[in-house]
């Protein structure tokens, strides 16, 4: 038997890859032109080989066709095959190690801007270029967002996928920066398919039906704004619901009441951001909510010069779980006296019993103040994700509202607790800097005074003006 030389194997591999590219290109161009259902990707097609073929192709038209074919094949693959492909992206589509070694050697000889640029290019994972080429296909951006959503569902069980997730986040942060986002008002006259998306994606306070939606969009004291992206023109990326009121509210149910009294535009002094919903799980970690709030504030100030206060009415999604852990462990900084008296929370229907509410009110407020001002995660930041968002944007924790949300969800997640974050233009920059650099939580004196006396200290003080 004739012994195969390495050059023979290399030639055969190159020949196979070339044949694969030509075959896929011809088939993908046909698919692209026809859109024929009988020509859909086959279940046994190798996603990894298609990715290699796409990276090897230089022609733009054939590349777009190949990209579309690969995305279709991935979408139709089983969950296990999709996971295999994502793991292959981590293992086989990192930086070209040979080019990286050469770039490092060149940098050792000559530390010029040119060699540094070459090193930067060589260190980029090949999968980033793959994602850019896939993004050129019609619907490519949406498909890549869905691919990352799939990846996130596997991330906890497969640490190897972290590098792929990092690349997704890096690219999405560029593709979805503020310069590409378009702010649009959403009202009752908006297209039905947009309104359906608002119902579908509302993540804070469920929209029960069309009457509920109309109550949030049609009255003159209600506004809704959303960011859209040119590649996702038929659905919002993030949206915020706003109520115009005469004062800072502490409860959500009166704001959503279908029978509530409508506030006239002339009487409105306060804009309340009561719900902010991200719609794309695949864009998790890509921050554009801060841009949304700032832009909406500017729009509202222009439309209603009489508005003086911009504040949120926010949920506290992790409070119940955190408090349960504190009650279960010994040595909590909250103190045994407070925790032992919170057994009232174990009673069924405690929130509907006036005596139980009176017994619990100050204890829960003290616990909530500790939760926001002292409880920290591993990075030294507040453990509440909503707090991280608003405090990081320069807001001030203004008020803690006992039983602000009496819904089943609110009682389950936070024992009904809600909070207000105040956006005061003159203080935003200072609050943001103090939080970013030192982890200082900007809080009103009313909130700080809720802390048990033995836990109060000067390091929590942020001046109020």
Protein backbone atom coordinates (compact mmCIF):
# COMPACT_ATOMS: atom_id res chain seq x y z
CA UNK A 1 0.00 0.00 0.00
CA UNK A 2 1.31 3.40 -0.96
CA UNK A 3 2.19 5.62 2.03
CA UNK A 4 0.47 9.00 1.96
CA UNK A 5 2.76 11.97 2.42
CA UNK A 6 1.64 14.98 4.46
CA UNK A 7 1.62 17.06 1.31
CA UNK A 8 -0.82 14.59 -0.27
CA UNK A 9 -3.13 14.90 2.74
CA UNK A 10 -2.89 18.69 2.64
CA UNK A 11 -3.69 18.73 -1.08
CA UNK A 12 -6.69 16.46 -0.56
CA UNK A 13 -7.96 18.62 2.34
CA UNK A 14 -7.62 21.75 0.24
CA UNK A 15 -9.41 20.03 -2.62
CA UNK A 16 -12.22 18.94 -0.32
CA UNK A 17 -12.62 22.42 1.13
CA UNK A 18 -12.60 23.96 -2.32
CA UNK A 19 -15.28 21.54 -3.51
CA UNK A 20 -17.34 22.25 -0.41
CA UNK A 21 -17.12 26.00 -0.98
CA UNK A 22 -18.16 25.72 -4.61
CA UNK A 23 -21.01 23.35 -3.79
CA UNK A 24 -22.35 25.50 -0.97
CA UNK A 25 -21.98 28.68 -2.98
CA UNK A 26 -23.97 27.27 -5.91
CA UNK A 27 -26.65 25.88 -3.63
CA UNK A 28 -26.84 29.02 -1.46
CA UNK A 29 -27.12 31.32 -4.46
CA UNK A 30 -29.98 29.17 -5.70
CA UNK A 31 -31.64 29.29 -2.28
CA UNK A 32 -31.16 33.04 -2.06
CA UNK A 33 -32.80 33.63 -5.42
CA UNK A 34 -35.61 31.09 -5.09
CA UNK A 35 -36.37 30.96 -1.40
CA UNK A 36 -37.68 27.50 -2.24
CA UNK A 37 -38.91 25.50 0.79
CA UNK A 38 -37.73 22.21 -0.75
CA UNK A 39 -34.16 23.50 -0.81
CA UNK A 40 -33.75 23.99 2.92
CA UNK A 41 -30.48 22.98 4.68
CA UNK A 42 -29.99 19.27 5.29
CA UNK A 43 -29.84 17.95 8.85
CA UNK A 44 -26.48 16.24 8.26
CA UNK A 45 -24.68 19.34 7.00
CA UNK A 46 -21.50 20.14 8.91
CA UNK A 47 -21.82 23.60 10.47
CA UNK A 48 -18.11 23.82 11.28
CA UNK A 49 -17.04 23.09 7.70
CA UNK A 50 -19.52 25.68 6.46
CA UNK A 51 -18.00 28.22 8.85
CA UNK A 52 -14.50 27.43 7.54
CA UNK A 53 -15.79 27.78 4.01
CA UNK A 54 -17.30 31.18 4.80
CA UNK A 55 -14.02 32.43 6.30
CA UNK A 56 -12.12 31.19 3.24
CA UNK A 57 -14.39 32.93 0.73
CA UNK A 58 -13.44 36.40 -0.54
CA UNK A 59 -16.25 37.21 -2.98
CA UNK A 60 -18.95 39.34 -1.36
CA UNK A 61 -21.95 37.90 -3.20
CA UNK A 62 -20.98 34.28 -2.64
CA UNK A 63 -20.05 35.12 0.97
CA UNK A 64 -23.50 36.54 1.67
CA UNK A 65 -25.10 33.43 0.17
CA UNK A 66 -22.90 31.15 2.26
CA UNK A 67 -23.63 33.18 5.39
CA UNK A 68 -27.36 32.89 4.84
CA UNK A 69 -27.05 29.16 4.26
CA UNK A 70 -25.02 28.64 7.45
CA UNK A 71 -27.48 30.64 9.56
CA UNK A 72 -30.39 28.64 8.12
CA UNK A 73 -28.59 25.37 8.79
CA UNK A 74 -27.85 26.43 12.38
CA UNK A 75 -31.46 27.50 12.99
CA UNK A 76 -32.81 24.16 11.75
CA UNK A 77 -30.24 22.06 13.65
CA UNK A 78 -31.10 20.23 16.86
CA UNK A 79 -30.19 21.82 20.19
CA UNK A 80 -27.35 19.31 20.64
CA UNK A 81 -25.87 20.08 17.23
CA UNK A 82 -26.15 23.81 17.93
CA UNK A 83 -24.23 23.29 21.18
CA UNK A 84 -21.56 21.32 19.32
CA UNK A 85 -21.16 24.21 16.91
CA UNK A 86 -20.90 26.77 19.73
CA UNK A 87 -18.25 24.66 21.47
CA UNK A 88 -16.37 24.35 18.17
CA UNK A 89 -16.38 28.15 17.91
CA UNK A 90 -14.63 28.25 21.27
CA UNK A 91 -12.10 25.52 20.47
CA UNK A 92 -11.27 25.99 16.80
CA UNK A 93 -12.07 29.62 15.93
CA UNK A 94 -9.81 31.53 18.28
CA UNK A 95 -6.78 33.55 17.10
CA UNK A 96 -4.53 32.05 14.42
CA UNK A 97 -1.72 30.90 16.72
CA UNK A 98 0.89 30.84 13.96
CA UNK A 99 0.16 34.43 12.94
CA UNK A 100 0.05 35.44 16.60
CA UNK A 101 3.50 33.91 17.24
CA UNK A 102 4.93 35.71 14.21
CA UNK A 103 3.40 39.01 15.34
CA UNK A 104 4.86 38.58 18.84
CA UNK A 105 8.30 37.85 17.41
CA UNK A 106 8.08 40.93 15.20
CA UNK A 107 7.09 43.06 18.16
CA UNK A 108 10.10 41.87 20.14
CA UNK A 109 12.36 43.02 17.30
CA UNK A 110 10.57 46.28 16.57
CA UNK A 111 8.10 47.98 18.90
CA UNK A 112 6.72 50.28 16.24
CA UNK A 113 3.06 51.27 15.76
CA UNK A 114 2.96 48.98 12.72
CA UNK A 115 4.01 45.86 14.63
CA UNK A 116 1.62 46.71 17.48
CA UNK A 117 -1.21 47.03 14.97
CA UNK A 118 -0.21 43.71 13.43
CA UNK A 119 -0.24 42.07 16.88
CA UNK A 120 -3.68 43.47 17.56
CA UNK A 121 -4.97 42.02 14.29
CA UNK A 122 -3.35 38.63 14.88
CA UNK A 123 -4.79 38.37 18.39
CA UNK A 124 -8.38 38.78 17.21
CA UNK A 125 -10.28 35.48 17.32
CA UNK A 126 -11.32 34.17 13.92
CA UNK A 127 -14.89 33.83 15.17
CA UNK A 128 -15.22 37.62 15.31
CA UNK A 129 -14.60 37.77 11.58
CA UNK A 130 -17.04 34.88 11.16
CA UNK A 131 -19.73 36.82 13.04
CA UNK A 132 -19.11 39.90 10.90
CA UNK A 133 -19.57 37.86 7.73
CA UNK A 134 -22.69 36.17 9.08
CA UNK A 135 -24.05 39.62 9.88
CA UNK A 136 -23.99 40.48 6.17
CA UNK A 137 -26.73 37.94 5.42
CA UNK A 138 -30.33 39.17 5.28
CA UNK A 139 -31.61 38.87 8.84
CA UNK A 140 -28.07 38.15 10.02
CA UNK A 141 -28.17 40.48 13.04
CA UNK A 142 -31.37 38.95 14.36
CA UNK A 143 -30.00 35.43 13.81
CA UNK A 144 -26.79 36.24 15.70
CA UNK A 145 -28.77 37.66 18.62
CA UNK A 146 -30.70 34.38 18.74
CA UNK A 147 -27.43 32.43 18.54
CA UNK A 148 -26.09 34.28 21.57
CA UNK A 149 -29.36 33.64 23.38
CA UNK A 150 -28.77 29.93 22.76
CA UNK A 151 -25.21 30.31 24.03
CA UNK A 152 -26.35 32.00 27.24
CA UNK A 153 -28.62 29.06 28.01
CA UNK A 154 -25.55 26.76 27.96
CA UNK A 155 -23.05 29.09 29.63
CA UNK A 156 -23.50 27.88 33.19
CA UNK A 157 -22.72 24.28 32.21
CA UNK A 158 -19.94 25.00 29.72
CA UNK A 159 -17.26 27.43 30.90
CA UNK A 160 -15.47 27.07 27.55
CA UNK A 161 -18.21 29.17 25.94
CA UNK A 162 -17.21 32.25 27.94
CA UNK A 163 -14.72 33.37 25.30
CA UNK A 164 -17.40 33.15 22.59
CA UNK A 165 -19.78 35.17 24.76
CA UNK A 166 -17.07 37.81 25.25
CA UNK A 167 -16.72 38.15 21.48
CA UNK A 168 -20.48 38.45 21.02
CA UNK A 169 -20.64 41.17 23.68
CA UNK A 170 -17.72 43.04 22.12
CA UNK A 171 -19.32 43.10 18.67
CA UNK A 172 -22.87 43.81 19.84
CA UNK A 173 -21.62 46.76 21.92
CA UNK A 174 -20.34 48.29 18.67
CA UNK A 175 -23.30 47.35 16.50
CA UNK A 176 -25.82 48.63 19.03
CA UNK A 177 -24.11 51.80 20.21
CA UNK A 178 -26.18 54.95 20.67
CA UNK A 179 -25.31 56.24 17.19
CA UNK A 180 -27.30 53.41 15.56
CA UNK A 181 -30.33 53.54 17.86
CA UNK A 182 -33.45 55.47 16.87
CA UNK A 183 -35.81 56.82 19.55
CA UNK A 184 -39.51 56.60 18.68
CA UNK A 185 -42.63 57.34 20.74
CA UNK A 186 -45.10 54.46 21.04
CA UNK A 187 -48.77 55.35 21.39
CA UNK A 188 -52.18 53.85 20.78
CA UNK A 189 -51.97 54.73 17.07
CA UNK A 190 -48.71 52.79 16.55
CA UNK A 191 -48.88 49.74 14.23
CA UNK A 192 -50.53 46.69 15.78
CA UNK A 193 -47.43 44.54 15.37
CA UNK A 194 -45.46 47.05 17.48
CA UNK A 195 -48.17 47.13 20.15
CA UNK A 196 -48.13 43.33 20.28
CA UNK A 197 -44.37 43.47 20.93
CA UNK A 198 -44.95 45.86 23.86
CA UNK A 199 -47.41 43.37 25.39
CA UNK A 200 -45.05 40.46 24.71
CA UNK A 201 -41.88 42.03 26.09
CA UNK A 202 -43.22 43.96 29.11
CA UNK A 203 -41.00 42.51 31.83
CA UNK A 204 -41.87 44.52 34.95
CA UNK A 205 -45.66 44.85 35.21
CA UNK A 206 -47.57 42.38 33.05
CA UNK A 207 -49.97 43.88 30.51
CA UNK A 208 -53.14 41.88 31.05
CA UNK A 209 -55.07 42.78 27.90
CA UNK A 210 -55.60 45.43 25.25
CA UNK A 211 -57.54 47.66 27.66
CA UNK A 212 -54.58 47.59 30.01
CA UNK A 213 -52.24 48.51 27.14
CA UNK A 214 -54.49 51.36 26.02
CA UNK A 215 -54.51 52.71 29.58
CA UNK A 216 -50.71 52.93 29.42
CA UNK A 217 -50.48 54.52 25.97
CA UNK A 218 -53.56 56.58 25.10
CA UNK A 219 -54.25 59.01 28.00
CA UNK A 220 -52.60 62.42 27.85
CA UNK A 221 -50.67 61.75 31.08
CA UNK A 222 -48.94 58.64 29.71
CA UNK A 223 -45.95 58.26 27.40
CA UNK A 224 -43.93 55.34 26.05
CA UNK A 225 -40.63 55.54 24.18
CA UNK A 226 -38.52 52.86 22.55
CA UNK A 227 -35.14 52.47 20.91
CA UNK A 228 -35.15 50.76 17.51
CA UNK A 229 -32.20 49.48 15.50
CA UNK A 230 -32.09 49.59 11.68
CA UNK A 231 -31.53 45.82 11.54
CA UNK A 232 -34.54 45.17 13.80
CA UNK A 233 -37.07 47.64 12.40
CA UNK A 234 -40.18 45.73 13.45
CA UNK A 235 -39.55 45.48 17.17
CA UNK A 236 -38.10 47.68 19.92
CA UNK A 237 -34.74 46.87 21.50
CA UNK A 238 -35.73 48.50 24.82
CA UNK A 239 -38.70 50.62 25.90
CA UNK A 240 -39.73 52.72 28.87
CA UNK A 241 -43.25 53.54 30.13
CA UNK A 242 -43.78 56.96 31.71
CA UNK A 243 -46.54 58.41 33.89
CA UNK A 244 -47.00 62.14 34.34
CA UNK A 245 -48.10 62.88 37.91
CA UNK A 246 -48.45 65.67 40.47
CA UNK A 247 -46.09 64.06 43.00
CA UNK A 248 -43.65 61.18 43.46
CA UNK A 249 -45.74 57.99 43.76
CA UNK A 250 -44.97 55.16 46.17
CA UNK A 251 -47.37 52.54 44.81
CA UNK A 252 -47.75 51.04 41.35
CA UNK A 253 -51.38 49.84 41.44
CA UNK A 254 -52.90 53.39 41.45
CA UNK A 255 -50.76 54.27 38.42
CA UNK A 256 -52.12 51.29 36.48
CA UNK A 257 -55.73 51.59 37.64
CA UNK A 258 -58.10 51.75 34.67
CA UNK A 259 -60.43 54.04 36.67
CA UNK A 260 -57.75 56.47 37.83
CA UNK A 261 -58.09 60.23 37.44
CA UNK A 262 -56.24 61.57 34.41
CA UNK A 263 -53.70 64.28 35.24
CA UNK A 264 -53.80 67.31 32.97
CA UNK A 265 -50.59 68.29 31.22
CA UNK A 266 -50.68 71.69 32.95
CA UNK A 267 -50.82 70.09 36.41
CA UNK A 268 -48.09 67.49 35.83
CA UNK A 269 -44.87 68.23 37.72
CA UNK A 270 -43.30 64.78 37.84
CA UNK A 271 -42.32 62.24 35.19
CA UNK A 272 -42.30 58.69 36.59
CA UNK A 273 -40.38 55.94 34.79
CA UNK A 274 -42.33 52.96 36.09
CA UNK A 275 -41.24 50.22 33.69
CA UNK A 276 -38.10 49.67 31.61
CA UNK A 277 -38.00 46.47 29.56
CA UNK A 278 -35.21 45.00 27.46
CA UNK A 279 -36.65 42.89 24.68
CA UNK A 280 -33.67 40.86 23.42
CA UNK A 281 -32.14 38.35 25.83
CA UNK A 282 -29.34 37.85 23.32
CA UNK A 283 -28.26 41.46 23.94
CA UNK A 284 -27.88 40.95 27.69
CA UNK A 285 -24.97 42.98 29.03
CA UNK A 286 -25.12 45.53 26.21
CA UNK A 287 -26.08 48.77 27.95
CA UNK A 288 -28.35 51.27 26.27
CA UNK A 289 -30.92 51.88 29.00
CA UNK A 290 -28.94 54.84 30.32
CA UNK A 291 -29.04 56.50 26.90
CA UNK A 292 -32.78 55.84 26.72
CA UNK A 293 -33.53 57.55 30.04
CA UNK A 294 -31.36 60.58 29.26
CA UNK A 295 -32.93 61.01 25.82
CA UNK A 296 -36.47 60.63 27.16
CA UNK A 297 -35.80 63.19 29.89
CA UNK A 298 -34.71 65.68 27.23
CA UNK A 299 -37.78 64.97 25.10
CA UNK A 300 -40.14 65.35 28.06
CA UNK A 301 -38.52 68.62 29.19
CA UNK A 302 -38.99 70.02 25.69
CA UNK A 303 -42.63 68.89 25.52
CA UNK A 304 -43.58 69.78 29.12
CA UNK A 305 -41.55 72.75 30.46
CA UNK A 306 -43.45 72.49 33.76
CA UNK A 307 -41.91 69.14 34.68
CA UNK A 308 -39.62 69.55 37.67
CA UNK A 309 -38.95 66.01 38.88
CA UNK A 310 -37.76 62.89 37.05
CA UNK A 311 -38.01 59.76 39.12
CA UNK A 312 -38.54 56.01 38.84
CA UNK A 313 -40.92 53.68 40.63
CA UNK A 314 -38.79 50.57 40.55
CA UNK A 315 -39.13 46.94 41.60
CA UNK A 316 -36.72 45.20 43.97
CA UNK A 317 -36.56 41.77 42.31
CA UNK A 318 -34.04 40.06 44.60
CA UNK A 319 -35.09 41.34 48.01
CA UNK A 320 -37.20 38.38 49.15
CA UNK A 321 -34.54 35.81 48.23
CA UNK A 322 -31.80 37.84 49.95
CA UNK A 323 -33.84 38.32 53.11
CA UNK A 324 -34.65 34.59 53.25
CA UNK A 325 -30.91 33.82 53.24
CA UNK A 326 -30.26 36.37 55.98
CA UNK A 327 -32.98 34.84 58.13
CA UNK A 328 -31.61 31.34 57.57
CA UNK A 329 -28.04 32.11 58.61
CA UNK A 330 -26.58 33.03 61.95
CA UNK A 331 -24.53 36.12 62.55
CA UNK A 332 -26.29 38.40 60.06
CA UNK A 333 -25.29 42.04 60.43
CA UNK A 334 -28.97 42.92 60.48
CA UNK A 335 -29.14 41.52 63.98
CA UNK A 336 -31.13 38.72 65.59
CA UNK A 337 -33.74 41.09 67.01
CA UNK A 338 -34.89 42.33 63.60
CA UNK A 339 -34.71 38.94 61.88
CA UNK A 340 -36.54 37.05 64.62
CA UNK A 341 -39.46 39.47 64.46
CA UNK A 342 -39.85 38.99 60.68
CA UNK A 343 -41.58 35.65 61.19
CA UNK A 344 -44.77 37.52 60.36
CA UNK A 345 -43.72 37.18 56.70
CA UNK A 346 -44.36 33.43 57.00
CA UNK A 347 -48.07 33.99 57.59
CA UNK A 348 -50.33 33.42 54.62
CA UNK A 349 -51.91 36.70 53.50
CA UNK A 350 -49.90 38.87 55.88
CA UNK A 351 -49.97 41.79 53.45
CA UNK A 352 -53.77 41.95 53.65
CA UNK A 353 -53.84 42.03 57.46
CA UNK A 354 -53.51 45.54 58.86
CA UNK A 355 -51.99 44.40 62.16
CA UNK A 356 -49.36 42.25 60.40
CA UNK A 357 -48.44 45.15 58.13
CA UNK A 358 -48.05 47.47 61.11
CA UNK A 359 -45.85 44.91 62.89
CA UNK A 360 -43.68 44.46 59.83
CA UNK A 361 -43.42 47.93 58.33
CA UNK A 362 -40.40 49.36 60.15
CA UNK A 363 -38.60 46.00 60.25
CA UNK A 364 -38.89 45.56 56.49
CA UNK A 365 -37.87 49.15 55.86
CA UNK A 366 -34.76 48.64 58.01
CA UNK A 367 -33.93 45.43 56.18
CA UNK A 368 -34.45 47.12 52.80
CA UNK A 369 -32.20 50.04 53.77
CA UNK A 370 -29.46 47.57 54.70
CA UNK A 371 -30.06 45.65 51.45
CA UNK A 372 -29.46 48.78 49.35
CA UNK A 373 -26.81 50.57 51.39
CA UNK A 374 -24.68 47.77 52.81
CA UNK A 375 -25.27 44.40 51.10
CA UNK A 376 -22.65 43.98 48.35
CA UNK A 377 -21.77 41.47 45.65
CA UNK A 378 -18.30 40.09 44.97
CA UNK A 379 -17.40 43.29 43.09
CA UNK A 380 -18.34 45.55 45.98
CA UNK A 381 -21.52 46.79 44.31
CA UNK A 382 -25.16 46.61 45.50
CA UNK A 383 -26.54 43.14 44.91
CA UNK A 384 -29.78 44.45 43.45
CA UNK A 385 -29.48 44.63 39.61
CA UNK A 386 -32.00 47.46 39.25
CA UNK A 387 -30.10 49.47 41.85
CA UNK A 388 -26.84 48.90 39.99
CA UNK A 389 -28.41 50.23 36.81
CA UNK A 390 -29.91 53.44 38.22
CA UNK A 391 -27.14 54.25 40.68
CA UNK A 392 -24.59 53.66 37.93
CA UNK A 393 -26.47 56.20 35.81
CA UNK A 394 -26.17 58.82 38.55
CA UNK A 395 -29.58 58.54 40.17
CA UNK A 396 -30.17 58.87 43.92
CA UNK A 397 -32.07 56.32 46.01
CA UNK A 398 -34.87 58.62 47.12
CA UNK A 399 -37.46 56.53 48.96
CA UNK A 400 -38.27 52.99 50.08
CA UNK A 401 -41.98 52.22 49.70
CA UNK A 402 -43.59 49.57 51.86
CA UNK A 403 -46.11 47.46 49.88
CA UNK A 404 -45.61 49.57 46.78
CA UNK A 405 -46.50 46.52 44.69
CA UNK A 406 -49.25 44.28 46.07
CA UNK A 407 -49.35 42.00 43.03
CA UNK A 408 -48.54 38.32 43.47
CA UNK A 409 -45.25 38.87 41.64
CA UNK A 410 -44.36 41.88 43.77
CA UNK A 411 -45.08 40.07 47.05
CA UNK A 412 -43.14 37.02 45.90
CA UNK A 413 -40.04 38.87 44.69
CA UNK A 414 -39.80 41.72 47.19
CA UNK A 415 -42.48 41.36 49.89
CA UNK A 416 -44.18 44.19 47.99
CA UNK A 417 -41.28 46.62 48.38
CA UNK A 418 -40.68 49.28 45.70
CA UNK A 419 -38.25 52.21 45.57
CA UNK A 420 -37.87 55.58 43.89
CA UNK A 421 -34.65 56.62 42.16
CA UNK A 422 -34.39 60.37 41.58
CA UNK A 423 -32.65 61.73 38.49
CA UNK A 424 -31.60 65.26 39.42
CA UNK A 425 -29.60 66.82 36.55
CA UNK A 426 -27.29 68.87 38.79
CA UNK A 427 -26.26 65.82 40.83
CA UNK A 428 -26.09 63.06 38.22
CA UNK A 429 -22.42 63.45 37.35
CA UNK A 430 -21.23 63.58 40.99
CA UNK A 431 -23.39 60.61 41.96
CA UNK A 432 -22.12 58.59 39.00
CA UNK A 433 -18.47 59.34 39.79
CA UNK A 434 -18.85 58.49 43.49
CA UNK A 435 -20.53 55.19 42.63
CA UNK A 436 -18.13 54.23 39.84
CA UNK A 437 -14.94 55.07 41.72
CA UNK A 438 -15.77 54.26 45.35
CA UNK A 439 -19.03 52.32 45.26
CA UNK A 440 -20.80 55.07 47.23
CA UNK A 441 -24.58 54.76 47.07
CA UNK A 442 -26.25 58.16 46.68
CA UNK A 443 -29.24 58.07 49.03
CA UNK A 444 -31.60 60.57 50.59
CA UNK A 445 -31.44 61.29 54.31
CA UNK A 446 -34.85 59.62 54.69
CA UNK A 447 -33.45 56.34 53.36
CA UNK A 448 -30.23 56.55 55.37
CA UNK A 449 -32.20 57.10 58.60
CA UNK A 450 -33.96 53.77 58.06
CA UNK A 451 -30.75 51.88 58.79
CA UNK A 452 -30.52 50.50 62.35
CA UNK A 453 -28.59 53.03 64.46
CA UNK A 454 -25.60 50.73 64.99
CA UNK A 455 -25.15 50.39 61.20
CA UNK A 456 -25.27 54.06 60.28
CA UNK A 457 -21.98 55.76 59.37
CA UNK A 458 -20.68 58.79 57.57
CA UNK A 459 -19.40 56.85 54.58
CA UNK A 460 -22.98 56.54 53.38
CA UNK A 461 -23.61 60.26 53.29
CA UNK A 462 -24.07 61.89 49.90
CA UNK A 463 -24.97 65.56 50.01
CA UNK A 464 -28.47 66.58 49.03
CA UNK A 465 -29.10 69.86 47.29
